[in-house]
Amino acid sequence: MQSRVKQLLEELRNDDTLVDVDSDALREAEFAQAQAILDTMVGKRVTAAEMGETRITITTEDGNRYFFYGFLSGSQPES
């Protein structure tokens, strides 16, 4: 497995083509993942929430920490 990962990384380094990324698809996938995590938190008590520059961290009473990415960038609200 380790050698296959190394092989794939080497292929990526040698590939000059750019990969098109659909930002809407990424946002949608991140939202689906966040929803799945939130579904596992039903009935748990939140003891802390922290909003950082790149993620939101939620801590529950049982000590688990949940990280949410992808919600903190985007267009600025109009003034």
C-alpha atoms as a PDB file:
ATOM      1  CA  MET A   1       0.000   0.000   0.000  1.00  0.00           C
ATOM      2  CA  GLN A   2       2.805   2.400   0.937  1.00  0.00           C
ATOM      3  CA  SER A   3       4.525   1.886  -2.406  1.00  0.00           C
ATOM      4  CA  ARG A   4       1.255   2.502  -4.280  1.00  0.00           C
ATOM      5  CA  VAL A   5       0.837   5.830  -2.465  1.00  0.00           C
ATOM      6  CA  LYS A   6       4.418   6.774  -3.370  1.00  0.00           C
ATOM      7  CA  GLN A   7       3.745   5.786  -6.978  1.00  0.00           C
ATOM      8  CA  LEU A   8       0.615   7.947  -7.153  1.00  0.00           C
ATOM      9  CA  LEU A   9       2.419  10.910  -5.599  1.00  0.00           C
ATOM     10  CA  GLU A  10       5.213  10.562  -8.128  1.00  0.00           C
ATOM     11  CA  GLU A  11       2.697  10.460 -10.979  1.00  0.00           C
ATOM     12  CA  LEU A  12       1.098  13.643  -9.651  1.00  0.00           C
ATOM     13  CA  ARG A  13       4.464  15.383  -9.492  1.00  0.00           C
ATOM     14  CA  ASN A  14       5.193  14.433 -13.088  1.00  0.00           C
ATOM     15  CA  ASP A  15       1.776  15.446 -14.411  1.00  0.00           C
ATOM     16  CA  ASP A  16       1.726  18.983 -15.814  1.00  0.00           C
ATOM     17  CA  THR A  17      -2.034  19.097 -16.351  1.00  0.00           C
ATOM     18  CA  LEU A  18      -4.197  21.217 -14.109  1.00  0.00           C
ATOM     19  CA  VAL A  19      -7.218  19.768 -12.400  1.00  0.00           C
ATOM     20  CA  ASP A  20     -10.450  21.710 -12.696  1.00  0.00           C
ATOM     21  CA  VAL A  21     -12.145  22.008  -9.340  1.00  0.00           C
ATOM     22  CA  ASP A  22     -15.854  22.708  -9.099  1.00  0.00           C
ATOM     23  CA  SER A  23     -16.125  24.953  -6.035  1.00  0.00           C
ATOM     24  CA  ASP A  24     -19.900  24.444  -5.825  1.00  0.00           C
ATOM     25  CA  ALA A  25     -19.422  20.673  -5.773  1.00  0.00           C
ATOM     26  CA  LEU A  26     -16.793  20.986  -3.044  1.00  0.00           C
ATOM     27  CA  ARG A  27     -19.071  23.220  -0.991  1.00  0.00           C
ATOM     28  CA  GLU A  28     -21.952  20.783  -1.428  1.00  0.00           C
ATOM     29  CA  ALA A  29     -19.774  17.825  -0.387  1.00  0.00           C
ATOM     30  CA  GLU A  30     -18.549  19.723   2.680  1.00  0.00           C
ATOM     31  CA  PHE A  31     -22.129  20.560   3.616  1.00  0.00           C
ATOM     32  CA  ALA A  32     -23.166  16.899   3.309  1.00  0.00           C
ATOM     33  CA  GLN A  33     -20.240  15.835   5.490  1.00  0.00           C
ATOM     34  CA  ALA A  34     -21.073  18.495   8.084  1.00  0.00           C
ATOM     35  CA  GLN A  35     -24.696  17.342   8.134  1.00  0.00           C
ATOM     36  CA  ALA A  36     -23.611  13.745   8.707  1.00  0.00           C
ATOM     37  CA  ILE A  37     -21.414  14.830  11.639  1.00  0.00           C
ATOM     38  CA  LEU A  38     -24.205  16.954  13.117  1.00  0.00           C
ATOM     39  CA  ASP A  39     -26.555  13.971  12.878  1.00  0.00           C
ATOM     40  CA  THR A  40     -24.186  12.000  15.139  1.00  0.00           C
ATOM     41  CA  MET A  41     -24.294  14.816  17.697  1.00  0.00           C
ATOM     42  CA  VAL A  42     -28.044  14.600  18.357  1.00  0.00           C
ATOM     43  CA  GLY A  43     -28.626  14.425  22.115  1.00  0.00           C
ATOM     44  CA  LYS A  44     -25.101  15.540  23.004  1.00  0.00           C
ATOM     45  CA  ARG A  45     -24.471  18.718  24.960  1.00  0.00           C
ATOM     46  CA  VAL A  46     -22.160  21.312  23.411  1.00  0.00           C
ATOM     47  CA  THR A  47     -19.742  22.767  25.948  1.00  0.00           C
ATOM     48  CA  ALA A  48     -17.648  24.966  23.660  1.00  0.00           C
ATOM     49  CA  ALA A  49     -17.597  26.391  20.164  1.00  0.00           C
ATOM     50  CA  GLU A  50     -14.690  28.217  18.587  1.00  0.00           C
ATOM     51  CA  MET A  51     -14.553  29.910  15.223  1.00  0.00           C
ATOM     52  CA  GLY A  52     -11.054  30.087  13.804  1.00  0.00           C
ATOM     53  CA  GLU A  53      -9.811  31.434  10.508  1.00  0.00           C
ATOM     54  CA  THR A  54     -10.076  28.083   8.740  1.00  0.00           C
ATOM     55  CA  ARG A  55     -12.476  25.985  10.802  1.00  0.00           C
ATOM     56  CA  ILE A  56     -15.183  25.859  13.424  1.00  0.00           C
ATOM     57  CA  THR A  57     -14.504  23.594  16.407  1.00  0.00           C
ATOM     58  CA  ILE A  58     -17.345  22.205  18.512  1.00  0.00           C
ATOM     59  CA  THR A  59     -16.597  20.415  21.803  1.00  0.00           C
ATOM     60  CA  THR A  60     -19.209  18.222  23.446  1.00  0.00           C
ATOM     61  CA  GLU A  61     -19.692  17.293  27.083  1.00  0.00           C
ATOM     62  CA  ASP A  62     -18.155  13.856  26.507  1.00  0.00           C
ATOM     63  CA  GLY A  63     -14.896  15.542  25.411  1.00  0.00           C
ATOM     64  CA  ASN A  64     -15.226  14.890  21.689  1.00  0.00           C
ATOM     65  CA  ARG A  65     -14.197  17.679  19.340  1.00  0.00           C
ATOM     66  CA  TYR A  66     -15.747  18.134  15.919  1.00  0.00           C
ATOM     67  CA  PHE A  67     -14.166  20.227  13.179  1.00  0.00           C
ATOM     68  CA  PHE A  68     -16.061  21.898  10.366  1.00  0.00           C
ATOM     69  CA  TYR A  69     -14.270  23.350   7.342  1.00  0.00           C
ATOM     70  CA  GLY A  70     -15.384  25.198   4.239  1.00  0.00           C
ATOM     71  CA  PHE A  71     -17.880  27.630   5.709  1.00  0.00           C
ATOM     72  CA  LEU A  72     -15.601  30.532   6.485  1.00  0.00           C
ATOM     73  CA  SER A  73     -14.718  31.733   3.026  1.00  0.00           C
ATOM     74  CA  GLY A  74     -16.747  33.347   0.344  1.00  0.00           C
ATOM     75  CA  SER A  75     -17.862  36.733  -0.720  1.00  0.00           C
ATOM     76  CA  GLN A  76     -18.040  39.596   1.733  1.00  0.00           C
ATOM     77  CA  PRO A  77     -21.466  41.074   2.489  1.00  0.00           C
ATOM     78  CA  GLU A  78     -22.212  44.246   0.578  1.00  0.00           C
ATOM     79  CA  SER A  79     -22.038  47.505   2.528  1.00  0.00           C
END
